[in-house]
C-alpha atoms as a PDB file:
ATOM      1  CA  UNK A   1      74.769  89.887  94.677  1.00  0.00           C
ATOM      2  CA  UNK A   2      74.159  88.539  98.101  1.00  0.00           C
ATOM      3  CA  UNK A   3      72.261  90.497 100.789  1.00  0.00           C
ATOM      4  CA  UNK A   4      74.805  89.444 103.484  1.00  0.00           C
ATOM      5  CA  UNK A   5      76.119  92.346 105.577  1.00  0.00           C
ATOM      6  CA  UNK A   6      79.591  92.744 107.132  1.00  0.00           C
ATOM      7  CA  UNK A   7      81.247  94.456 110.120  1.00  0.00           C
ATOM      8  CA  UNK A   8      83.941  96.463 108.429  1.00  0.00           C
ATOM      9  CA  UNK A   9      86.700  98.767 109.637  1.00  0.00           C
ATOM     10  CA  UNK A  10      88.016 101.510 107.375  1.00  0.00           C
ATOM     11  CA  UNK A  11      91.540 102.711 108.220  1.00  0.00           C
ATOM     12  CA  UNK A  12      92.228 105.958 106.178  1.00  0.00           C
ATOM     13  CA  UNK A  13      93.684 109.264 106.985  1.00  0.00           C
ATOM     14  CA  UNK A  14      91.987 111.222 104.361  1.00  0.00           C
ATOM     15  CA  UNK A  15      88.761 112.383 105.846  1.00  0.00           C
ATOM     16  CA  UNK A  16      86.804 112.870 102.647  1.00  0.00           C
ATOM     17  CA  UNK A  17      87.765 109.467 101.228  1.00  0.00           C
ATOM     18  CA  UNK A  18      87.087 107.836 104.639  1.00  0.00           C
ATOM     19  CA  UNK A  19      83.573 109.393 104.942  1.00  0.00           C
ATOM     20  CA  UNK A  20      82.500 108.928 101.394  1.00  0.00           C
ATOM     21  CA  UNK A  21      83.410 105.128 101.455  1.00  0.00           C
ATOM     22  CA  UNK A  22      81.707 104.745 104.855  1.00  0.00           C
ATOM     23  CA  UNK A  23      78.343 106.398 103.459  1.00  0.00           C
ATOM     24  CA  UNK A  24      78.525 104.074 100.387  1.00  0.00           C
ATOM     25  CA  UNK A  25      79.087 100.870 102.154  1.00  0.00           C
ATOM     26  CA  UNK A  26      76.537 101.832 104.735  1.00  0.00           C
ATOM     27  CA  UNK A  27      73.987 102.116 101.878  1.00  0.00           C
ATOM     28  CA  UNK A  28      74.281  98.304 101.525  1.00  0.00           C
ATOM     29  CA  UNK A  29      73.495  97.979 105.288  1.00  0.00           C
ATOM     30  CA  UNK A  30      77.214  96.929 106.237  1.00  0.00           C
ATOM     31  CA  UNK A  31      78.159  98.125 109.903  1.00  0.00           C
ATOM     32  CA  UNK A  32      80.989 100.614 109.264  1.00  0.00           C
ATOM     33  CA  UNK A  33      83.625 101.851 111.735  1.00  0.00           C
ATOM     34  CA  UNK A  34      86.026 104.387 110.447  1.00  0.00           C
ATOM     35  CA  UNK A  35      89.339 105.582 112.035  1.00  0.00           C
ATOM     36  CA  UNK A  36      92.204 107.941 110.803  1.00  0.00           C
ATOM     37  CA  UNK A  37      95.192 106.107 111.903  1.00  0.00           C
ATOM     38  CA  UNK A  38      96.973 102.875 112.634  1.00  0.00           C
ATOM     39  CA  UNK A  39      97.247 103.510 116.442  1.00  0.00           C
ATOM     40  CA  UNK A  40      93.465 103.892 116.635  1.00  0.00           C
ATOM     41  CA  UNK A  41      92.842 100.790 114.505  1.00  0.00           C
ATOM     42  CA  UNK A  42      95.110  98.478 116.619  1.00  0.00           C
ATOM     43  CA  UNK A  43      93.521  99.816 119.886  1.00  0.00           C
ATOM     44  CA  UNK A  44      90.002  99.071 118.504  1.00  0.00           C
ATOM     45  CA  UNK A  45      90.880  95.674 117.297  1.00  0.00           C
ATOM     46  CA  UNK A  46      91.578  94.710 120.946  1.00  0.00           C
ATOM     47  CA  UNK A  47      87.915  95.098 121.685  1.00  0.00           C
ATOM     48  CA  UNK A  48      85.867  94.532 118.518  1.00  0.00           C
ATOM     49  CA  UNK A  49      85.893  91.756 115.941  1.00  0.00           C
ATOM     50  CA  UNK A  50      85.487  92.712 112.284  1.00  0.00           C
ATOM     51  CA  UNK A  51      84.828  90.751 109.029  1.00  0.00           C
ATOM     52  CA  UNK A  52      86.929  93.041 106.831  1.00  0.00           C
ATOM     53  CA  UNK A  53      89.529  95.805 107.240  1.00  0.00           C
ATOM     54  CA  UNK A  54      90.000  98.283 104.469  1.00  0.00           C
ATOM     55  CA  UNK A  55      93.574  99.370 105.381  1.00  0.00           C
ATOM     56  CA  UNK A  56      95.372 102.265 103.725  1.00  0.00           C
ATOM     57  CA  UNK A  57      99.133 101.544 103.303  1.00  0.00           C
ATOM     58  CA  UNK A  58     100.230 105.077 103.738  1.00  0.00           C
ATOM     59  CA  UNK A  59      99.116 106.381 107.236  1.00  0.00           C
ATOM     60  CA  UNK A  60     100.641 109.138 109.194  1.00  0.00           C
ATOM     61  CA  UNK A  61     101.455 107.295 112.498  1.00  0.00           C
ATOM     62  CA  UNK A  62     101.980 103.622 111.517  1.00  0.00           C
ATOM     63  CA  UNK A  63     102.248 102.357 107.936  1.00  0.00           C
ATOM     64  CA  UNK A  64      99.657  99.819 106.863  1.00  0.00           C
ATOM     65  CA  UNK A  65     102.067  97.067 106.234  1.00  0.00           C
ATOM     66  CA  UNK A  66     103.229  97.132 109.884  1.00  0.00           C
ATOM     67  CA  UNK A  67      99.448  97.102 110.903  1.00  0.00           C
ATOM     68  CA  UNK A  68      98.934  94.184 108.728  1.00  0.00           C
ATOM     69  CA  UNK A  69     101.888  92.288 110.205  1.00  0.00           C
ATOM     70  CA  UNK A  70     100.665  92.869 113.794  1.00  0.00           C
ATOM     71  CA  UNK A  71      97.239  91.594 112.778  1.00  0.00           C
ATOM     72  CA  UNK A  72      98.485  88.480 111.170  1.00  0.00           C
ATOM     73  CA  UNK A  73     100.691  87.790 114.234  1.00  0.00           C
ATOM     74  CA  UNK A  74      97.909  88.070 116.772  1.00  0.00           C
ATOM     75  CA  UNK A  75      96.002  84.937 117.235  1.00  0.00           C
ATOM     76  CA  UNK A  76      92.821  86.651 118.294  1.00  0.00           C
ATOM     77  CA  UNK A  77      92.515  88.548 114.985  1.00  0.00           C
ATOM     78  CA  UNK A  78      94.722  86.886 112.477  1.00  0.00           C
ATOM     79  CA  UNK A  79      91.757  85.432 110.551  1.00  0.00           C
ATOM     80  CA  UNK A  80      90.259  88.902 109.890  1.00  0.00           C
ATOM     81  CA  UNK A  81      90.184  89.714 106.173  1.00  0.00           C
ATOM     82  CA  UNK A  82      92.285  92.642 105.348  1.00  0.00           C
ATOM     83  CA  UNK A  83      92.050  94.414 101.922  1.00  0.00           C
ATOM     84  CA  UNK A  84      95.005  96.839 101.435  1.00  0.00           C
ATOM     85  CA  UNK A  85      94.496 100.338  99.748  1.00  0.00           C
ATOM     86  CA  UNK A  86      97.393 102.187  98.114  1.00  0.00           C
ATOM     87  CA  UNK A  87      97.737 105.247  96.031  1.00  0.00           C
ATOM     88  CA  UNK A  88     100.785 103.824  94.381  1.00  0.00           C
ATOM     89  CA  UNK A  89     100.761 100.925  91.931  1.00  0.00           C
ATOM     90  CA  UNK A  90     103.877  99.556  93.517  1.00  0.00           C
ATOM     91  CA  UNK A  91     103.745  95.893  92.456  1.00  0.00           C
ATOM     92  CA  UNK A  92     106.455  94.840  94.986  1.00  0.00           C
ATOM     93  CA  UNK A  93     104.675  96.384  97.822  1.00  0.00           C
ATOM     94  CA  UNK A  94     101.310  94.758  96.839  1.00  0.00           C
ATOM     95  CA  UNK A  95     102.925  91.382  96.514  1.00  0.00           C
ATOM     96  CA  UNK A  96     104.518  91.885  99.992  1.00  0.00           C
ATOM     97  CA  UNK A  97     101.038  92.632 101.532  1.00  0.00           C
ATOM     98  CA  UNK A  98      99.542  89.683  99.985  1.00  0.00           C
ATOM     99  CA  UNK A  99     102.492  87.392 101.114  1.00  0.00           C
ATOM    100  CA  UNK A 100     101.922  88.838 104.557  1.00  0.00           C
ATOM    101  CA  UNK A 101      98.251  87.913 104.588  1.00  0.00           C
ATOM    102  CA  UNK A 102      96.124  90.537 103.030  1.00  0.00           C
ATOM    103  CA  UNK A 103      93.343  88.977 100.862  1.00  0.00           C
ATOM    104  CA  UNK A 104      93.310  91.672  98.218  1.00  0.00           C
ATOM    105  CA  UNK A 105      94.308  95.164  97.288  1.00  0.00           C
ATOM    106  CA  UNK A 106      92.710  98.226  95.728  1.00  0.00           C
ATOM    107  CA  UNK A 107      94.576 101.193  94.148  1.00  0.00           C
ATOM    108  CA  UNK A 108      93.482 104.827  94.502  1.00  0.00           C
ATOM    109  CA  UNK A 109      91.293 106.239  93.010  1.00  0.00           C
ATOM    110  CA  UNK A 110      89.093 103.070  93.204  1.00  0.00           C
ATOM    111  CA  UNK A 111      85.583 102.487  92.109  1.00  0.00           C
ATOM    112  CA  UNK A 112      83.070 101.956  94.976  1.00  0.00           C
ATOM    113  CA  UNK A 113      81.456  99.256  92.803  1.00  0.00           C
ATOM    114  CA  UNK A 114      84.769  97.335  92.843  1.00  0.00           C
ATOM    115  CA  UNK A 115      85.104  97.607  96.609  1.00  0.00           C
ATOM    116  CA  UNK A 116      81.591  96.173  97.086  1.00  0.00           C
ATOM    117  CA  UNK A 117      82.295  93.426  94.562  1.00  0.00           C
ATOM    118  CA  UNK A 118      85.316  92.343  96.421  1.00  0.00           C
ATOM    119  CA  UNK A 119      83.723  92.335  99.821  1.00  0.00           C
ATOM    120  CA  UNK A 120      80.847  90.238  98.357  1.00  0.00           C
ATOM    121  CA  UNK A 121      83.398  87.844  96.831  1.00  0.00           C
ATOM    122  CA  UNK A 122      85.194  87.129  99.963  1.00  0.00           C
ATOM    123  CA  UNK A 123      81.949  86.711 101.838  1.00  0.00           C
ATOM    124  CA  UNK A 124      81.067  83.989  99.333  1.00  0.00           C
ATOM    125  CA  UNK A 125      84.461  82.495  99.369  1.00  0.00           C
ATOM    126  CA  UNK A 126      83.971  81.643 103.104  1.00  0.00           C
ATOM    127  CA  UNK A 127      81.046  79.611 102.326  1.00  0.00           C
ATOM    128  CA  UNK A 128      81.887  77.820  99.022  1.00  0.00           C
ATOM    129  CA  UNK A 129      85.029  75.874  97.997  1.00  0.00           C
ATOM    130  CA  UNK A 130      85.756  74.892  94.391  1.00  0.00           C
ATOM    131  CA  UNK A 131      88.391  72.756  92.863  1.00  0.00           C
ATOM    132  CA  UNK A 132      90.279  75.182  90.661  1.00  0.00           C
ATOM    133  CA  UNK A 133      93.510  73.387  90.118  1.00  0.00           C
ATOM    134  CA  UNK A 134      92.701  72.602  86.438  1.00  0.00           C
ATOM    135  CA  UNK A 135      90.357  75.278  85.618  1.00  0.00           C
ATOM    136  CA  UNK A 136      89.723  76.072  81.977  1.00  0.00           C
ATOM    137  CA  UNK A 137      90.725  79.655  81.108  1.00  0.00           C
ATOM    138  CA  UNK A 138      89.887  81.446  77.751  1.00  0.00           C
ATOM    139  CA  UNK A 139      92.622  84.117  77.278  1.00  0.00           C
ATOM    140  CA  UNK A 140      91.717  86.885  74.804  1.00  0.00           C
ATOM    141  CA  UNK A 141      94.407  89.448  73.652  1.00  0.00           C
ATOM    142  CA  UNK A 142      95.217  90.683  70.167  1.00  0.00           C
ATOM    143  CA  UNK A 143      98.905  90.733  70.859  1.00  0.00           C
ATOM    144  CA  UNK A 144     100.315  87.319  70.189  1.00  0.00           C
ATOM    145  CA  UNK A 145     103.409  87.823  72.313  1.00  0.00           C
ATOM    146  CA  UNK A 146     101.215  88.743  75.298  1.00  0.00           C
ATOM    147  CA  UNK A 147      99.127  85.721  74.713  1.00  0.00           C
ATOM    148  CA  UNK A 148     101.967  83.279  74.572  1.00  0.00           C
ATOM    149  CA  UNK A 149     103.774  84.559  77.657  1.00  0.00           C
ATOM    150  CA  UNK A 150     100.596  84.535  79.710  1.00  0.00           C
ATOM    151  CA  UNK A 151      99.390  81.163  78.458  1.00  0.00           C
ATOM    152  CA  UNK A 152     102.825  79.749  79.165  1.00  0.00           C
ATOM    153  CA  UNK A 153     102.990  81.042  82.742  1.00  0.00           C
ATOM    154  CA  UNK A 154      99.311  80.133  83.658  1.00  0.00           C
ATOM    155  CA  UNK A 155      99.794  76.549  82.155  1.00  0.00           C
ATOM    156  CA  UNK A 156     102.645  75.880  84.509  1.00  0.00           C
ATOM    157  CA  UNK A 157     100.064  76.523  87.373  1.00  0.00           C
ATOM    158  CA  UNK A 158      97.979  73.752  86.029  1.00  0.00           C
ATOM    159  CA  UNK A 159      95.287  75.855  84.229  1.00  0.00           C
ATOM    160  CA  UNK A 160      94.037  74.624  80.795  1.00  0.00           C
ATOM    161  CA  UNK A 161      94.602  77.746  78.551  1.00  0.00           C
ATOM    162  CA  UNK A 162      92.801  78.400  75.278  1.00  0.00           C
ATOM    163  CA  UNK A 163      94.109  81.685  73.746  1.00  0.00           C
ATOM    164  CA  UNK A 164      92.370  83.780  70.954  1.00  0.00           C
ATOM    165  CA  UNK A 165      93.352  86.966  69.227  1.00  0.00           C
ATOM    166  CA  UNK A 166      90.019  88.871  68.649  1.00  0.00           C
ATOM    167  CA  UNK A 167      86.556  89.591  69.999  1.00  0.00           C
ATOM    168  CA  UNK A 168      84.401  87.870  67.306  1.00  0.00           C
ATOM    169  CA  UNK A 169      86.384  84.703  67.524  1.00  0.00           C
ATOM    170  CA  UNK A 170      85.693  84.750  71.252  1.00  0.00           C
ATOM    171  CA  UNK A 171      81.937  85.201  70.848  1.00  0.00           C
ATOM    172  CA  UNK A 172      81.947  82.401  68.299  1.00  0.00           C
ATOM    173  CA  UNK A 173      83.833  79.992  70.526  1.00  0.00           C
ATOM    174  CA  UNK A 174      81.674  80.813  73.600  1.00  0.00           C
ATOM    175  CA  UNK A 175      78.603  79.696  71.559  1.00  0.00           C
ATOM    176  CA  UNK A 176      80.127  76.097  71.531  1.00  0.00           C
ATOM    177  CA  UNK A 177      82.412  75.848  74.536  1.00  0.00           C
ATOM    178  CA  UNK A 178      82.263  76.384  78.280  1.00  0.00           C
ATOM    179  CA  UNK A 179      85.176  77.981  80.334  1.00  0.00           C
ATOM    180  CA  UNK A 180      85.688  78.444  84.136  1.00  0.00           C
ATOM    181  CA  UNK A 181      87.132  81.977  83.684  1.00  0.00           C
ATOM    182  CA  UNK A 182      87.832  84.387  80.822  1.00  0.00           C
ATOM    183  CA  UNK A 183      90.716  86.963  80.662  1.00  0.00           C
ATOM    184  CA  UNK A 184      89.616  89.647  78.288  1.00  0.00           C
ATOM    185  CA  UNK A 185      91.762  92.481  76.958  1.00  0.00           C
ATOM    186  CA  UNK A 186      89.899  95.884  76.552  1.00  0.00           C
ATOM    187  CA  UNK A 187      91.753  97.167  73.677  1.00  0.00           C
ATOM    188  CA  UNK A 188      91.197  94.982  70.488  1.00  0.00           C
ATOM    189  CA  UNK A 189      90.994  95.948  66.869  1.00  0.00           C
ATOM    190  CA  UNK A 190      87.776  94.448  65.785  1.00  0.00           C
ATOM    191  CA  UNK A 191      85.534  94.541  68.966  1.00  0.00           C
ATOM    192  CA  UNK A 192      86.557  96.127  72.144  1.00  0.00           C
ATOM    193  CA  UNK A 193      86.755  94.114  75.247  1.00  0.00           C
ATOM    194  CA  UNK A 194      83.887  95.920  76.879  1.00  0.00           C
ATOM    195  CA  UNK A 195      81.576  95.275  73.893  1.00  0.00           C
ATOM    196  CA  UNK A 196      82.578  91.510  73.961  1.00  0.00           C
ATOM    197  CA  UNK A 197      81.721  91.517  77.694  1.00  0.00           C
ATOM    198  CA  UNK A 198      78.300  93.125  77.176  1.00  0.00           C
ATOM    199  CA  UNK A 199      77.486  90.651  74.489  1.00  0.00           C
ATOM    200  CA  UNK A 200      78.566  87.813  76.683  1.00  0.00           C
ATOM    201  CA  UNK A 201      76.377  88.950  79.602  1.00  0.00           C
ATOM    202  CA  UNK A 202      73.481  89.839  77.232  1.00  0.00           C
ATOM    203  CA  UNK A 203      73.411  86.292  76.041  1.00  0.00           C
ATOM    204  CA  UNK A 204      73.030  84.992  79.413  1.00  0.00           C
ATOM    205  CA  UNK A 205      74.611  81.553  78.635  1.00  0.00           C
ATOM    206  CA  UNK A 206      77.936  82.490  80.593  1.00  0.00           C
ATOM    207  CA  UNK A 207      76.535  84.603  83.477  1.00  0.00           C
ATOM    208  CA  UNK A 208      78.320  82.424  85.983  1.00  0.00           C
ATOM    209  CA  UNK A 209      81.591  82.596  84.306  1.00  0.00           C
ATOM    210  CA  UNK A 210      84.028  85.244  85.888  1.00  0.00           C
ATOM    211  CA  UNK A 211      85.504  87.691  83.544  1.00  0.00           C
ATOM    212  CA  UNK A 212      88.613  89.577  84.437  1.00  0.00           C
ATOM    213  CA  UNK A 213      89.490  92.496  82.109  1.00  0.00           C
ATOM    214  CA  UNK A 214      93.045  93.157  81.083  1.00  0.00           C
ATOM    215  CA  UNK A 215      93.646  96.949  80.685  1.00  0.00           C
ATOM    216  CA  UNK A 216      96.422  99.467  79.909  1.00  0.00           C
ATOM    217  CA  UNK A 217      94.048 102.171  80.788  1.00  0.00           C
ATOM    218  CA  UNK A 218      94.062 103.076  84.524  1.00  0.00           C
ATOM    219  CA  UNK A 219      91.173 105.246  85.181  1.00  0.00           C
ATOM    220  CA  UNK A 220      88.094 104.784  87.408  1.00  0.00           C
ATOM    221  CA  UNK A 221      85.725 105.526  84.477  1.00  0.00           C
ATOM    222  CA  UNK A 222      86.956 102.584  82.511  1.00  0.00           C
ATOM    223  CA  UNK A 223      86.948 100.375  85.652  1.00  0.00           C
ATOM    224  CA  UNK A 224      83.381 101.451  86.451  1.00  0.00           C
ATOM    225  CA  UNK A 225      82.331 100.680  82.815  1.00  0.00           C
ATOM    226  CA  UNK A 226      83.763  97.231  82.945  1.00  0.00           C
ATOM    227  CA  UNK A 227      82.124  96.357  86.331  1.00  0.00           C
ATOM    228  CA  UNK A 228      78.809  97.806  85.212  1.00  0.00           C
ATOM    229  CA  UNK A 229      79.012  95.743  82.112  1.00  0.00           C
ATOM    230  CA  UNK A 230      79.438  92.593  84.223  1.00  0.00           C
ATOM    231  CA  UNK A 231      83.273  92.219  84.759  1.00  0.00           C
ATOM    232  CA  UNK A 232      84.323  90.594  87.992  1.00  0.00           C
ATOM    233  CA  UNK A 233      87.671  92.336  88.259  1.00  0.00           C
ATOM    234  CA  UNK A 234      90.407  93.896  86.236  1.00  0.00           C
ATOM    235  CA  UNK A 235      94.240  93.725  86.116  1.00  0.00           C
ATOM    236  CA  UNK A 236      96.647  96.410  84.499  1.00  0.00           C
ATOM    237  CA  UNK A 237      99.202  95.870  81.875  1.00  0.00           C
ATOM    238  CA  UNK A 238     102.014  95.146  81.943  1.00  0.00           C
ATOM    239  CA  UNK A 239     100.580  92.096  83.725  1.00  0.00           C
ATOM    240  CA  UNK A 240     102.387  90.807  86.752  1.00  0.00           C
ATOM    241  CA  UNK A 241     101.947  86.973  86.779  1.00  0.00           C
ATOM    242  CA  UNK A 242     101.873  86.705  90.515  1.00  0.00           C
ATOM    243  CA  UNK A 243      99.100  89.202  90.908  1.00  0.00           C
ATOM    244  CA  UNK A 244      97.261  87.723  87.876  1.00  0.00           C
ATOM    245  CA  UNK A 245      97.242  84.308  89.483  1.00  0.00           C
ATOM    246  CA  UNK A 246      96.021  85.785  92.743  1.00  0.00           C
ATOM    247  CA  UNK A 247      93.213  87.564  90.972  1.00  0.00           C
ATOM    248  CA  UNK A 248      92.364  84.390  89.040  1.00  0.00           C
ATOM    249  CA  UNK A 249      92.202  82.252  92.200  1.00  0.00           C
ATOM    250  CA  UNK A 250      90.024  84.760  93.995  1.00  0.00           C
ATOM    251  CA  UNK A 251      87.524  84.826  91.108  1.00  0.00           C
ATOM    252  CA  UNK A 252      87.479  81.235  90.499  1.00  0.00           C
ATOM    253  CA  UNK A 253      86.820  80.470  94.214  1.00  0.00           C
ATOM    254  CA  UNK A 254      83.718  82.698  94.317  1.00  0.00           C
ATOM    255  CA  UNK A 255      82.400  82.146  90.791  1.00  0.00           C
ATOM    256  CA  UNK A 256      79.854  84.639  89.590  1.00  0.00           C
ATOM    257  CA  UNK A 257      76.411  84.464  91.031  1.00  0.00           C
ATOM    258  CA  UNK A 258      73.884  87.018  89.773  1.00  0.00           C
END
């Protein structure tokens, strides 16, 4: 990943979570300021410019969505990139945050590796733009209905979708064909998605191809395993199409660079 460093504001009322994340991001030489509430955050934003804000939705004084709205309505700071943090996998709330102007979201408990990856991605996106309107996407899921529904919905966006039902078919196809992005289910009957991912990255041929893992397992250990194996992101089942399209767009804009 790039060695670029950012000026980051963490807004989190839980002191342990706040300090742990602060230390881990400082280890990558980012400049970190952390506050415990929305009032302090808004006051600080009047005097200092940040590259990113990691903003908890549930705060004791002002909720994160209200803070996000104020940021996006202020011409002086509206371009600040805000990543929302939530303890609840409330999809309607997440979509509201994205519609309001957040660039991404994290669900607690989250992987620090994933936080770092998302920060890196958006740094990269500010410097590189790609035409993603007709991207070629490989969709891998052993459930035919899941494949058909996702393929139909993504095709309506303009993406060119190829869908497969198992890991070995995926590895065989990737020997012959290039894709702009791979959507890869973790739970498959022949070869697990993590094994497929590991083989893809080990081969080296598709190291620049973003891979988004699709998982029904929501735990930090599984997410960490995916990220460490070379995944660019993950999305939970049942898949919300709006969130998936957002995640695809984000990954395609950055493309993987090792």
